Amino acid sequence: MRTTNKARNRSHSTLPSQTSRLSRTGLTPAVTAALFCSLAVFMLSMGSFAQAQMNASQASTGHPGWVQIPGEVIRPDCVHEIPNGATVEVHDDQTTVDVTLDGSPVARYDACPEEAIVTRPHAHTEDLSRAPGTGNGRIEADLWKVPLGANDDIDYLAGAWTVPSFPSQNGATIYLFNGIESSSRGWILQPVLQYGVSPAGGGDYWAVASWLVSSNQAFHSPLQTVYPGNSVKGYMEMTAISGSTKYWEVEAKDTTTGAYSYLSAHVSGQQWTWAYAGVLEGHSVTSCGQLPANGREVFKGSVVDHGFPAYRPASLQGWDGGIYSYGGPLCHFAIVSAGGTLRF
């Protein structure tokens, strides 16, 4: 049986009543104040996570021709752009995928011939004093492993941030995003702000897209250009459950211009327990000037709900800061986890 929250004005822990899907990420000062009161500052020597079993530079070297997406190195033929608002339905075998738009078939994708290499950090922080290297990988993250029962998930995560300044130097790809990840660490849903060229496209400008990434395939909605100083809201929301399949909406929206990039995803057999209030990734970073010139990003008012279809607020005590050895230059990295601030 499919369990659905049918009300379009879903009651999230910090949201006012809304009628539009594109405006359900409103955030309140109370939650922001609670976060500032309850969480600590994490500097270079501190963090909850660090480098994955293989970092992005190592993975790229061992797999020439593969591409870097947020959190993974993957074959380029296994990264798929889908229409804005399309649905990605992952079948029970976890590999075969159908893409539809307004109920009409768009494409079917079989399993990728080779597994992607997950480069999201999985262990405690590494020493950041080593010499700069190739500058590929996750740099900072404000994250939380939400303590949930076996039959419970994060069912809603939302936050807001501002499109930062352009870097003073081009040549790198920068990702800034929030997101949720499965307990298996093999799947992540994320609305992503990027600068530079990625497998989704792009150039020397900022743009947003929504992503569903697994260790087998990756899907993203089309890039939408955004501009420094504009406000971005990103959310992931569970809208229904059928057996072990969970139905998701993922959106990145420029609330200044109204531009948005959006997808739906149906994924089976996963429990979603990892929350990311904000993440900075950099690829081909060789200079601090290739990071945004304003030197920080603030992810404001992060909301985490669980208990679908009730959308109950999760505890606000669990955010933690991680700074990772990504092999690039050290650029004043620090995390003020209480305020969702990543400094660089």
C-alpha atoms as a PDB file:
ATOM      1  CA  MET A   1       0.000   0.000   0.000  1.00  0.00           C
ATOM      2  CA  ARG A   2       1.223   3.469  -0.844  1.00  0.00           C
ATOM      3  CA  THR A   3       1.133   5.858   2.088  1.00  0.00           C
ATOM      4  CA  THR A   4       0.887   9.456   0.931  1.00  0.00           C
ATOM      5  CA  ASN A   5       0.725  12.806   2.620  1.00  0.00           C
ATOM      6  CA  LYS A   6      -1.979  14.221   0.389  1.00  0.00           C
ATOM      7  CA  ALA A   7      -2.161  17.698   1.877  1.00  0.00           C
ATOM      8  CA  ARG A   8      -0.372  20.220  -0.306  1.00  0.00           C
ATOM      9  CA  ASN A   9       0.064  22.450   2.790  1.00  0.00           C
ATOM     10  CA  ARG A  10       2.229  19.910   4.581  1.00  0.00           C
ATOM     11  CA  SER A  11       3.033  20.813   8.172  1.00  0.00           C
ATOM     12  CA  HIS A  12       6.803  20.991   8.577  1.00  0.00           C
ATOM     13  CA  SER A  13       8.459  21.948  11.829  1.00  0.00           C
ATOM     14  CA  THR A  14       9.322  25.521  10.842  1.00  0.00           C
ATOM     15  CA  LEU A  15       7.275  26.303   7.760  1.00  0.00           C
ATOM     16  CA  PRO A  16       4.380  28.705   7.397  1.00  0.00           C
ATOM     17  CA  SER A  17       1.341  27.525   5.490  1.00  0.00           C
ATOM     18  CA  GLN A  18       2.187  27.421   1.780  1.00  0.00           C
ATOM     19  CA  THR A  19       0.269  26.460  -1.346  1.00  0.00           C
ATOM     20  CA  SER A  20       3.111  26.242  -3.860  1.00  0.00           C
ATOM     21  CA  ARG A  21       5.569  23.360  -4.071  1.00  0.00           C
ATOM     22  CA  LEU A  22       8.225  25.906  -4.974  1.00  0.00           C
ATOM     23  CA  SER A  23       7.843  27.859  -1.712  1.00  0.00           C
ATOM     24  CA  ARG A  24       7.837  25.155   0.952  1.00  0.00           C
ATOM     25  CA  THR A  25      11.337  25.973   2.214  1.00  0.00           C
ATOM     26  CA  GLY A  26      10.520  29.015   4.358  1.00  0.00           C
ATOM     27  CA  LEU A  27      12.555  29.117   7.596  1.00  0.00           C
ATOM     28  CA  THR A  28      11.909  30.813  10.937  1.00  0.00           C
ATOM     29  CA  PRO A  29      14.138  32.846  13.259  1.00  0.00           C
ATOM     30  CA  ALA A  30      13.325  30.516  16.179  1.00  0.00           C
ATOM     31  CA  VAL A  31      15.072  27.566  14.583  1.00  0.00           C
ATOM     32  CA  THR A  32      18.071  29.691  13.627  1.00  0.00           C
ATOM     33  CA  ALA A  33      18.346  30.996  17.186  1.00  0.00           C
ATOM     34  CA  ALA A  34      18.121  27.475  18.602  1.00  0.00           C
ATOM     35  CA  LEU A  35      20.923  26.335  16.374  1.00  0.00           C
ATOM     36  CA  PHE A  36      23.162  29.210  17.450  1.00  0.00           C
ATOM     37  CA  CYS A  37      22.537  28.476  21.119  1.00  0.00           C
ATOM     38  CA  SER A  38      23.145  24.748  20.950  1.00  0.00           C
ATOM     39  CA  LEU A  39      26.092  24.165  18.645  1.00  0.00           C
ATOM     40  CA  ALA A  40      29.821  24.851  18.739  1.00  0.00           C
ATOM     41  CA  VAL A  41      32.571  26.285  16.571  1.00  0.00           C
ATOM     42  CA  PHE A  42      34.759  23.762  14.759  1.00  0.00           C
ATOM     43  CA  MET A  43      38.179  24.911  13.509  1.00  0.00           C
ATOM     44  CA  LEU A  44      40.904  23.288  11.420  1.00  0.00           C
ATOM     45  CA  SER A  45      41.918  20.716  13.991  1.00  0.00           C
ATOM     46  CA  MET A  46      38.372  19.501  14.590  1.00  0.00           C
ATOM     47  CA  GLY A  47      35.719  17.573  12.668  1.00  0.00           C
ATOM     48  CA  SER A  48      33.526  14.543  12.690  1.00  0.00           C
ATOM     49  CA  PHE A  49      34.429  13.060   9.356  1.00  0.00           C
ATOM     50  CA  ALA A  50      37.326  13.075   6.975  1.00  0.00           C
ATOM     51  CA  GLN A  51      38.717  11.514   3.868  1.00  0.00           C
ATOM     52  CA  ALA A  52      36.956   8.587   2.237  1.00  0.00           C
ATOM     53  CA  GLN A  53      38.714   5.276   1.742  1.00  0.00           C
ATOM     54  CA  MET A  54      39.945   6.660  -1.579  1.00  0.00           C
ATOM     55  CA  ASN A  55      40.090  10.375  -2.205  1.00  0.00           C
ATOM     56  CA  ALA A  56      38.937  11.944  -5.443  1.00  0.00           C
ATOM     57  CA  SER A  57      42.444  12.547  -6.734  1.00  0.00           C
ATOM     58  CA  GLN A  58      43.425   8.912  -6.277  1.00  0.00           C
ATOM     59  CA  ALA A  59      40.196   7.734  -7.887  1.00  0.00           C
ATOM     60  CA  SER A  60      40.639  10.022 -10.903  1.00  0.00           C
ATOM     61  CA  THR A  61      44.237   8.932 -11.403  1.00  0.00           C
ATOM     62  CA  GLY A  62      43.238   5.274 -11.414  1.00  0.00           C
ATOM     63  CA  HIS A  63      40.305   5.823 -13.781  1.00  0.00           C
ATOM     64  CA  PRO A  64      41.306   8.125 -16.635  1.00  0.00           C
ATOM     65  CA  GLY A  65      38.340   9.550 -18.475  1.00  0.00           C
ATOM     66  CA  TRP A  66      36.027   9.281 -15.490  1.00  0.00           C
ATOM     67  CA  VAL A  67      34.385  12.455 -14.191  1.00  0.00           C
ATOM     68  CA  GLN A  68      33.916  14.053 -10.795  1.00  0.00           C
ATOM     69  CA  ILE A  69      30.392  14.751  -9.589  1.00  0.00           C
ATOM     70  CA  PRO A  70      29.462  15.840  -6.064  1.00  0.00           C
ATOM     71  CA  GLY A  71      30.875  13.083  -3.855  1.00  0.00           C
ATOM     72  CA  GLU A  72      31.865  10.542  -6.507  1.00  0.00           C
ATOM     73  CA  VAL A  73      34.146   9.730  -9.417  1.00  0.00           C
ATOM     74  CA  ILE A  74      32.085   7.965 -12.073  1.00  0.00           C
ATOM     75  CA  ARG A  75      32.048   6.928 -15.726  1.00  0.00           C
ATOM     76  CA  PRO A  76      30.726   9.835 -17.820  1.00  0.00           C
ATOM     77  CA  ASP A  77      28.197   7.607 -19.581  1.00  0.00           C
ATOM     78  CA  CYS A  78      26.603   6.884 -16.192  1.00  0.00           C
ATOM     79  CA  VAL A  79      25.732  10.544 -15.495  1.00  0.00           C
ATOM     80  CA  HIS A  80      22.348  11.488 -16.958  1.00  0.00           C
ATOM     81  CA  GLU A  81      20.615  14.834 -17.363  1.00  0.00           C
ATOM     82  CA  ILE A  82      16.852  14.589 -17.099  1.00  0.00           C
ATOM     83  CA  PRO A  83      14.162  17.188 -17.894  1.00  0.00           C
ATOM     84  CA  ASN A  84      13.260  19.723 -15.239  1.00  0.00           C
ATOM     85  CA  GLY A  85      10.579  18.172 -13.031  1.00  0.00           C
ATOM     86  CA  ALA A  86      11.118  14.621 -14.300  1.00  0.00           C
ATOM     87  CA  THR A  87      10.834  11.530 -12.089  1.00  0.00           C
ATOM     88  CA  VAL A  88      13.639   9.008 -11.613  1.00  0.00           C
ATOM     89  CA  GLU A  89      12.185   5.609 -10.659  1.00  0.00           C
ATOM     90  CA  VAL A  90      14.805   3.184  -9.378  1.00  0.00           C
ATOM     91  CA  HIS A  91      13.527  -0.394  -9.567  1.00  0.00           C
ATOM     92  CA  ASP A  92      13.901  -2.971  -6.801  1.00  0.00           C
ATOM     93  CA  ASP A  93      17.116  -4.289  -8.341  1.00  0.00           C
ATOM     94  CA  GLN A  94      18.620  -0.883  -7.404  1.00  0.00           C
ATOM     95  CA  THR A  95      20.143  -0.504 -10.873  1.00  0.00           C
ATOM     96  CA  THR A  96      17.481  -0.346 -13.616  1.00  0.00           C
ATOM     97  CA  VAL A  97      15.947   3.123 -13.830  1.00  0.00           C
ATOM     98  CA  ASP A  98      12.983   4.595 -15.687  1.00  0.00           C
ATOM     99  CA  VAL A  99      12.697   8.350 -16.216  1.00  0.00           C
ATOM    100  CA  THR A 100       9.262   9.856 -16.820  1.00  0.00           C
ATOM    101  CA  LEU A 101       7.871  13.358 -17.225  1.00  0.00           C
ATOM    102  CA  ASP A 102       4.235  13.996 -16.364  1.00  0.00           C
ATOM    103  CA  GLY A 103       3.687  10.230 -16.528  1.00  0.00           C
ATOM    104  CA  SER A 104       5.162   9.796 -20.016  1.00  0.00           C
ATOM    105  CA  PRO A 105       8.324   7.712 -20.574  1.00  0.00           C
ATOM    106  CA  VAL A 106      11.512   9.658 -21.259  1.00  0.00           C
ATOM    107  CA  ALA A 107      14.284   7.054 -20.979  1.00  0.00           C
ATOM    108  CA  ARG A 108      15.327   3.750 -19.406  1.00  0.00           C
ATOM    109  CA  TYR A 109      18.849   3.218 -18.090  1.00  0.00           C
ATOM    110  CA  ASP A 110      20.410  -0.119 -17.205  1.00  0.00           C
ATOM    111  CA  ALA A 111      23.121  -0.605 -14.637  1.00  0.00           C
ATOM    112  CA  CYS A 112      26.396   1.200 -15.165  1.00  0.00           C
ATOM    113  CA  PRO A 113      29.075  -1.292 -16.341  1.00  0.00           C
ATOM    114  CA  GLU A 114      31.359  -0.251 -13.469  1.00  0.00           C
ATOM    115  CA  GLU A 115      30.629   0.937  -9.967  1.00  0.00           C
ATOM    116  CA  ALA A 116      31.358   4.564  -9.166  1.00  0.00           C
ATOM    117  CA  ILE A 117      33.966   5.402  -6.542  1.00  0.00           C
ATOM    118  CA  VAL A 118      32.404   7.196  -3.593  1.00  0.00           C
ATOM    119  CA  THR A 119      34.699   9.992  -2.410  1.00  0.00           C
ATOM    120  CA  ARG A 120      32.511  11.304   0.400  1.00  0.00           C
ATOM    121  CA  PRO A 121      34.432  11.190   3.695  1.00  0.00           C
ATOM    122  CA  HIS A 122      33.757   8.278   6.029  1.00  0.00           C
ATOM    123  CA  ALA A 123      36.264   8.563   8.913  1.00  0.00           C
ATOM    124  CA  HIS A 124      37.719  11.008  11.424  1.00  0.00           C
ATOM    125  CA  THR A 125      39.472  14.126  10.234  1.00  0.00           C
ATOM    126  CA  GLU A 126      42.985  13.889   8.820  1.00  0.00           C
ATOM    127  CA  ASP A 127      45.911  16.214   9.406  1.00  0.00           C
ATOM    128  CA  LEU A 128      45.514  19.279   7.192  1.00  0.00           C
ATOM    129  CA  SER A 129      49.158  20.333   7.533  1.00  0.00           C
ATOM    130  CA  ARG A 130      50.424  18.191   4.666  1.00  0.00           C
ATOM    131  CA  ALA A 131      51.570  19.889   1.484  1.00  0.00           C
ATOM    132  CA  PRO A 132      48.919  20.898  -1.056  1.00  0.00           C
ATOM    133  CA  GLY A 133      48.154  18.339  -3.727  1.00  0.00           C
ATOM    134  CA  THR A 134      45.658  18.139  -6.549  1.00  0.00           C
ATOM    135  CA  GLY A 135      42.772  19.873  -4.788  1.00  0.00           C
ATOM    136  CA  ASN A 136      39.985  17.359  -5.434  1.00  0.00           C
ATOM    137  CA  GLY A 137      37.286  16.442  -2.980  1.00  0.00           C
ATOM    138  CA  ARG A 138      35.106  17.438  -0.082  1.00  0.00           C
ATOM    139  CA  ILE A 139      36.625  20.326   1.866  1.00  0.00           C
ATOM    140  CA  GLU A 140      34.129  21.139   4.627  1.00  0.00           C
ATOM    141  CA  ALA A 141      30.748  19.897   5.811  1.00  0.00           C
ATOM    142  CA  ASP A 142      28.224  20.713   8.532  1.00  0.00           C
ATOM    143  CA  LEU A 143      26.595  17.332   9.081  1.00  0.00           C
ATOM    144  CA  TRP A 144      24.594  15.165  11.453  1.00  0.00           C
ATOM    145  CA  LYS A 145      23.881  11.441  11.691  1.00  0.00           C
ATOM    146  CA  VAL A 146      20.314  11.736  12.935  1.00  0.00           C
ATOM    147  CA  PRO A 147      19.451   9.042  15.536  1.00  0.00           C
ATOM    148  CA  LEU A 148      16.384   7.320  14.099  1.00  0.00           C
ATOM    149  CA  GLY A 149      14.622   4.023  14.620  1.00  0.00           C
ATOM    150  CA  ALA A 150      14.889   1.231  12.078  1.00  0.00           C
ATOM    151  CA  ASN A 151      11.618   2.198  10.353  1.00  0.00           C
ATOM    152  CA  ASP A 152      12.151   5.949  10.427  1.00  0.00           C
ATOM    153  CA  ASP A 153      13.878   8.346   8.023  1.00  0.00           C
ATOM    154  CA  ILE A 154      14.738  11.946   7.600  1.00  0.00           C
ATOM    155  CA  ASP A 155      11.696  12.888   5.571  1.00  0.00           C
ATOM    156  CA  TYR A 156      12.395  16.593   5.068  1.00  0.00           C
ATOM    157  CA  LEU A 157      15.507  18.748   5.022  1.00  0.00           C
ATOM    158  CA  ALA A 158      15.529  22.374   3.928  1.00  0.00           C
ATOM    159  CA  GLY A 159      17.853  25.351   4.173  1.00  0.00           C
ATOM    160  CA  ALA A 160      18.778  28.621   2.529  1.00  0.00           C
ATOM    161  CA  TRP A 161      22.031  30.234   1.451  1.00  0.00           C
ATOM    162  CA  THR A 162      23.257  33.108  -0.699  1.00  0.00           C
ATOM    163  CA  VAL A 163      25.020  32.810  -4.044  1.00  0.00           C
ATOM    164  CA  PRO A 164      28.564  33.919  -3.127  1.00  0.00           C
ATOM    165  CA  SER A 165      30.975  36.156  -4.977  1.00  0.00           C
ATOM    166  CA  PHE A 166      32.749  34.869  -8.059  1.00  0.00           C
ATOM    167  CA  PRO A 167      36.226  33.461  -7.399  1.00  0.00           C
ATOM    168  CA  SER A 168      39.034  35.867  -8.279  1.00  0.00           C
ATOM    169  CA  GLN A 169      40.603  33.077 -10.354  1.00  0.00           C
ATOM    170  CA  ASN A 170      38.899  30.561 -12.636  1.00  0.00           C
ATOM    171  CA  GLY A 171      39.859  26.969 -13.373  1.00  0.00           C
ATOM    172  CA  ALA A 172      38.270  25.039 -10.500  1.00  0.00           C
ATOM    173  CA  THR A 173      34.822  23.507 -10.020  1.00  0.00           C
ATOM    174  CA  ILE A 174      33.118  24.457  -6.750  1.00  0.00           C
ATOM    175  CA  TYR A 175      30.038  22.749  -5.289  1.00  0.00           C
ATOM    176  CA  LEU A 176      27.985  24.179  -2.398  1.00  0.00           C
ATOM    177  CA  PHE A 177      24.932  22.213  -1.258  1.00  0.00           C
ATOM    178  CA  ASN A 178      22.809  20.720   1.481  1.00  0.00           C
ATOM    179  CA  GLY A 179      21.469  17.175   1.270  1.00  0.00           C
ATOM    180  CA  ILE A 180      20.546  13.843   2.806  1.00  0.00           C
ATOM    181  CA  GLU A 181      22.363  10.536   2.515  1.00  0.00           C
ATOM    182  CA  SER A 182      21.327   6.934   3.117  1.00  0.00           C
ATOM    183  CA  SER A 183      22.620   4.958   6.086  1.00  0.00           C
ATOM    184  CA  SER A 184      24.392   2.672   3.597  1.00  0.00           C
ATOM    185  CA  ARG A 185      26.286   5.787   2.384  1.00  0.00           C
ATOM    186  CA  GLY A 186      25.582   4.704  -1.182  1.00  0.00           C
ATOM    187  CA  TRP A 187      22.868   7.252  -2.068  1.00  0.00           C
ATOM    188  CA  ILE A 188      22.574  11.020  -1.715  1.00  0.00           C
ATOM    189  CA  LEU A 189      19.897  13.553  -2.645  1.00  0.00           C
ATOM    190  CA  GLN A 190      21.169  17.115  -3.005  1.00  0.00           C
ATOM    191  CA  PRO A 191      20.248  20.503  -4.469  1.00  0.00           C
ATOM    192  CA  VAL A 192      23.625  21.818  -5.668  1.00  0.00           C
ATOM    193  CA  LEU A 193      25.010  25.274  -6.409  1.00  0.00           C
ATOM    194  CA  GLN A 194      28.068  25.022  -8.661  1.00  0.00           C
ATOM    195  CA  TYR A 195      30.714  27.276 -10.189  1.00  0.00           C
ATOM    196  CA  GLY A 196      32.842  26.086 -13.084  1.00  0.00           C
ATOM    197  CA  VAL A 197      32.441  23.181 -15.472  1.00  0.00           C
ATOM    198  CA  SER A 198      31.025  19.844 -14.265  1.00  0.00           C
ATOM    199  CA  PRO A 199      29.427  16.825 -15.963  1.00  0.00           C
ATOM    200  CA  ALA A 200      26.177  18.820 -15.714  1.00  0.00           C
ATOM    201  CA  GLY A 201      27.680  21.613 -17.829  1.00  0.00           C
ATOM    202  CA  GLY A 202      28.410  25.099 -16.568  1.00  0.00           C
ATOM    203  CA  GLY A 203      31.239  27.583 -16.893  1.00  0.00           C
ATOM    204  CA  ASP A 204      32.603  30.642 -15.137  1.00  0.00           C
ATOM    205  CA  TYR A 205      29.268  31.413 -13.511  1.00  0.00           C
ATOM    206  CA  TRP A 206      27.033  30.100 -10.734  1.00  0.00           C
ATOM    207  CA  ALA A 207      24.188  27.673 -11.487  1.00  0.00           C
ATOM    208  CA  VAL A 208      21.882  25.294  -9.596  1.00  0.00           C
ATOM    209  CA  ALA A 209      20.722  21.740 -10.288  1.00  0.00           C
ATOM    210  CA  SER A 210      19.208  18.912  -8.248  1.00  0.00           C
ATOM    211  CA  TRP A 211      20.956  15.540  -8.049  1.00  0.00           C
ATOM    212  CA  LEU A 212      20.201  11.912  -7.191  1.00  0.00           C
ATOM    213  CA  VAL A 213      23.514  10.068  -6.879  1.00  0.00           C
ATOM    214  CA  SER A 214      24.097   6.371  -6.193  1.00  0.00           C
ATOM    215  CA  SER A 215      27.193   4.211  -6.390  1.00  0.00           C
ATOM    216  CA  ASN A 216      25.887   2.974  -9.744  1.00  0.00           C
ATOM    217  CA  GLN A 217      24.375   5.951 -11.575  1.00  0.00           C
ATOM    218  CA  ALA A 218      23.778   9.689 -11.199  1.00  0.00           C
ATOM    219  CA  PHE A 219      20.916  11.898 -12.378  1.00  0.00           C
ATOM    220  CA  HIS A 220      20.605  15.671 -12.385  1.00  0.00           C
ATOM    221  CA  SER A 221      18.059  18.230 -13.500  1.00  0.00           C
ATOM    222  CA  PRO A 222      19.209  20.980 -15.909  1.00  0.00           C
ATOM    223  CA  LEU A 223      21.478  23.757 -14.679  1.00  0.00           C
ATOM    224  CA  GLN A 224      19.788  27.102 -14.080  1.00  0.00           C
ATOM    225  CA  THR A 225      22.001  30.194 -13.947  1.00  0.00           C
ATOM    226  CA  VAL A 226      21.959  32.232 -10.723  1.00  0.00           C
ATOM    227  CA  TYR A 227      23.821  35.377  -9.676  1.00  0.00           C
ATOM    228  CA  PRO A 228      25.948  36.522  -6.730  1.00  0.00           C
ATOM    229  CA  GLY A 229      23.822  37.973  -3.937  1.00  0.00           C
ATOM    230  CA  ASN A 230      20.709  36.018  -4.901  1.00  0.00           C
ATOM    231  CA  SER A 231      19.052  33.753  -2.338  1.00  0.00           C
ATOM    232  CA  VAL A 232      18.974  29.983  -2.891  1.00  0.00           C
ATOM    233  CA  LYS A 233      16.702  27.546  -1.081  1.00  0.00           C
ATOM    234  CA  GLY A 234      17.222  23.802  -1.296  1.00  0.00           C
ATOM    235  CA  TYR A 235      14.997  21.043   0.009  1.00  0.00           C
ATOM    236  CA  MET A 236      14.461  17.288  -0.083  1.00  0.00           C
ATOM    237  CA  GLU A 237      10.993  16.046   0.895  1.00  0.00           C
ATOM    238  CA  MET A 238       9.469  12.589   1.179  1.00  0.00           C
ATOM    239  CA  THR A 239       5.973  12.667  -0.301  1.00  0.00           C
ATOM    240  CA  ALA A 240       4.876   9.008  -0.190  1.00  0.00           C
ATOM    241  CA  ILE A 241       5.902   5.470   0.803  1.00  0.00           C
ATOM    242  CA  SER A 242       4.953   2.232  -0.968  1.00  0.00           C
ATOM    243  CA  GLY A 243       6.468  -0.848   0.671  1.00  0.00           C
ATOM    244  CA  SER A 244      10.207  -0.158   0.837  1.00  0.00           C
ATOM    245  CA  THR A 245      10.009   2.542  -1.861  1.00  0.00           C
ATOM    246  CA  LYS A 246      10.182   6.162  -0.776  1.00  0.00           C
ATOM    247  CA  TYR A 247       9.079   9.011  -3.021  1.00  0.00           C
ATOM    248  CA  TRP A 248      11.126  12.208  -2.953  1.00  0.00           C
ATOM    249  CA  GLU A 249      11.064  15.726  -4.292  1.00  0.00           C
ATOM    250  CA  VAL A 250      14.397  17.597  -4.580  1.00  0.00           C
ATOM    251  CA  GLU A 251      14.651  21.234  -5.561  1.00  0.00           C
ATOM    252  CA  ALA A 252      17.170  24.059  -5.794  1.00  0.00           C
ATOM    253  CA  LYS A 253      15.472  27.423  -6.252  1.00  0.00           C
ATOM    254  CA  ASP A 254      16.744  30.961  -6.729  1.00  0.00           C
ATOM    255  CA  THR A 255      14.112  32.807  -4.702  1.00  0.00           C
ATOM    256  CA  THR A 256      15.316  36.151  -6.052  1.00  0.00           C
ATOM    257  CA  THR A 257      14.547  35.378  -9.701  1.00  0.00           C
ATOM    258  CA  GLY A 258      12.242  32.354  -9.382  1.00  0.00           C
ATOM    259  CA  ALA A 259      14.549  30.086 -11.399  1.00  0.00           C
ATOM    260  CA  TYR A 260      14.512  26.486 -10.174  1.00  0.00           C
ATOM    261  CA  SER A 261      15.865  23.038 -10.985  1.00  0.00           C
ATOM    262  CA  TYR A 262      13.790  20.138  -9.721  1.00  0.00           C
ATOM    263  CA  LEU A 263      13.458  16.348  -9.830  1.00  0.00           C
ATOM    264  CA  SER A 264      11.459  13.574  -8.211  1.00  0.00           C
ATOM    265  CA  ALA A 265      13.011  10.264  -7.168  1.00  0.00           C
ATOM    266  CA  HIS A 266      11.574   6.874  -6.191  1.00  0.00           C
ATOM    267  CA  VAL A 267      14.212   4.823  -4.357  1.00  0.00           C
ATOM    268  CA  SER A 268      13.728   1.414  -2.696  1.00  0.00           C
ATOM    269  CA  GLY A 269      15.441  -0.298   0.191  1.00  0.00           C
ATOM    270  CA  GLN A 270      17.221   2.696   1.738  1.00  0.00           C
ATOM    271  CA  GLN A 271      16.992   4.372   5.121  1.00  0.00           C
ATOM    272  CA  TRP A 272      17.901   8.074   5.061  1.00  0.00           C
ATOM    273  CA  THR A 273      19.765   9.102   8.217  1.00  0.00           C
ATOM    274  CA  TRP A 274      22.586  11.515   7.295  1.00  0.00           C
ATOM    275  CA  ALA A 275      21.749  15.225   7.155  1.00  0.00           C
ATOM    276  CA  TYR A 276      23.978  17.899   5.604  1.00  0.00           C
ATOM    277  CA  ALA A 277      23.235  21.518   6.437  1.00  0.00           C
ATOM    278  CA  GLY A 278      26.024  22.680   4.150  1.00  0.00           C
ATOM    279  CA  VAL A 279      28.920  21.209   2.175  1.00  0.00           C
ATOM    280  CA  LEU A 280      31.827  22.724   0.228  1.00  0.00           C
ATOM    281  CA  GLU A 281      33.548  20.607  -2.421  1.00  0.00           C
ATOM    282  CA  GLY A 282      36.341  21.746  -4.707  1.00  0.00           C
ATOM    283  CA  HIS A 283      37.905  20.087  -7.726  1.00  0.00           C
ATOM    284  CA  SER A 284      41.131  21.125  -9.490  1.00  0.00           C
ATOM    285  CA  VAL A 285      41.686  23.705  -6.765  1.00  0.00           C
ATOM    286  CA  THR A 286      45.297  24.920  -6.846  1.00  0.00           C
ATOM    287  CA  SER A 287      44.856  28.379  -5.312  1.00  0.00           C
ATOM    288  CA  CYS A 288      42.715  29.971  -2.601  1.00  0.00           C
ATOM    289  CA  GLY A 289      41.710  32.501  -5.268  1.00  0.00           C
ATOM    290  CA  GLN A 290      39.675  29.762  -6.965  1.00  0.00           C
ATOM    291  CA  LEU A 291      37.263  29.699  -4.008  1.00  0.00           C
ATOM    292  CA  PRO A 292      34.513  32.355  -3.717  1.00  0.00           C
ATOM    293  CA  ALA A 293      36.142  35.724  -3.050  1.00  0.00           C
ATOM    294  CA  ASN A 294      33.877  36.638  -0.115  1.00  0.00           C
ATOM    295  CA  GLY A 295      35.491  33.818   1.910  1.00  0.00           C
ATOM    296  CA  ARG A 296      32.471  32.177   3.493  1.00  0.00           C
ATOM    297  CA  GLU A 297      29.037  30.641   2.949  1.00  0.00           C
ATOM    298  CA  VAL A 298      26.227  30.699   5.504  1.00  0.00           C
ATOM    299  CA  PHE A 299      23.609  27.930   5.341  1.00  0.00           C
ATOM    300  CA  LYS A 300      20.710  29.428   7.278  1.00  0.00           C
ATOM    301  CA  GLY A 301      17.911  27.882   9.315  1.00  0.00           C
ATOM    302  CA  SER A 302      18.360  24.218   8.451  1.00  0.00           C
ATOM    303  CA  VAL A 303      15.220  22.167   9.058  1.00  0.00           C
ATOM    304  CA  VAL A 304      15.248  18.402   9.675  1.00  0.00           C
ATOM    305  CA  ASP A 305      11.959  16.508  10.088  1.00  0.00           C
ATOM    306  CA  HIS A 306      11.173  12.795  10.440  1.00  0.00           C
ATOM    307  CA  GLY A 307       8.237  10.470  11.121  1.00  0.00           C
ATOM    308  CA  PHE A 308       6.471  10.604   7.756  1.00  0.00           C
ATOM    309  CA  PRO A 309       3.652  11.418   7.234  1.00  0.00           C
ATOM    310  CA  ALA A 310       3.690  13.509  10.427  1.00  0.00           C
ATOM    311  CA  TYR A 311       6.866  15.557   9.724  1.00  0.00           C
ATOM    312  CA  ARG A 312       8.048  15.826  13.316  1.00  0.00           C
ATOM    313  CA  PRO A 313      11.090  18.025  14.069  1.00  0.00           C
ATOM    314  CA  ALA A 314      14.253  16.116  14.878  1.00  0.00           C
ATOM    315  CA  SER A 315      16.444  17.122  17.797  1.00  0.00           C
ATOM    316  CA  LEU A 316      18.500  20.252  17.123  1.00  0.00           C
ATOM    317  CA  GLN A 317      21.554  19.102  19.072  1.00  0.00           C
ATOM    318  CA  GLY A 318      23.459  17.017  16.542  1.00  0.00           C
ATOM    319  CA  TRP A 319      25.162  19.262  13.961  1.00  0.00           C
ATOM    320  CA  ASP A 320      28.903  18.703  13.695  1.00  0.00           C
ATOM    321  CA  GLY A 321      31.689  20.240  11.622  1.00  0.00           C
ATOM    322  CA  GLY A 322      34.129  18.334   9.442  1.00  0.00           C
ATOM    323  CA  ILE A 323      37.179  19.695   7.590  1.00  0.00           C
ATOM    324  CA  TYR A 324      38.939  17.276   5.282  1.00  0.00           C
ATOM    325  CA  SER A 325      42.314  16.704   3.672  1.00  0.00           C
ATOM    326  CA  TYR A 326      41.295  17.328   0.086  1.00  0.00           C
ATOM    327  CA  GLY A 327      44.823  17.744  -1.233  1.00  0.00           C
ATOM    328  CA  GLY A 328      44.552  21.436  -2.073  1.00  0.00           C
ATOM    329  CA  PRO A 329      45.770  24.691  -0.520  1.00  0.00           C
ATOM    330  CA  LEU A 330      44.800  25.582   3.042  1.00  0.00           C
ATOM    331  CA  CYS A 331      42.560  28.637   2.870  1.00  0.00           C
ATOM    332  CA  HIS A 332      41.512  29.659   6.402  1.00  0.00           C
ATOM    333  CA  PHE A 333      39.023  26.788   6.595  1.00  0.00           C
ATOM    334  CA  ALA A 334      36.754  26.822   9.628  1.00  0.00           C
ATOM    335  CA  ILE A 335      33.183  25.881  10.483  1.00  0.00           C
ATOM    336  CA  VAL A 336      30.841  27.721  12.808  1.00  0.00           C
ATOM    337  CA  SER A 337      28.436  24.820  13.087  1.00  0.00           C
ATOM    338  CA  ALA A 338      26.019  26.779  15.288  1.00  0.00           C
ATOM    339  CA  GLY A 339      25.415  29.195  12.436  1.00  0.00           C
ATOM    340  CA  GLY A 340      25.886  26.850   9.485  1.00  0.00           C
ATOM    341  CA  THR A 341      28.875  28.925   8.383  1.00  0.00           C
ATOM    342  CA  LEU A 342      31.651  27.471   6.233  1.00  0.00           C
ATOM    343  CA  ARG A 343      34.749  29.678   6.031  1.00  0.00           C
ATOM    344  CA  PHE A 344      37.403  29.414   3.358  1.00  0.00           C
END
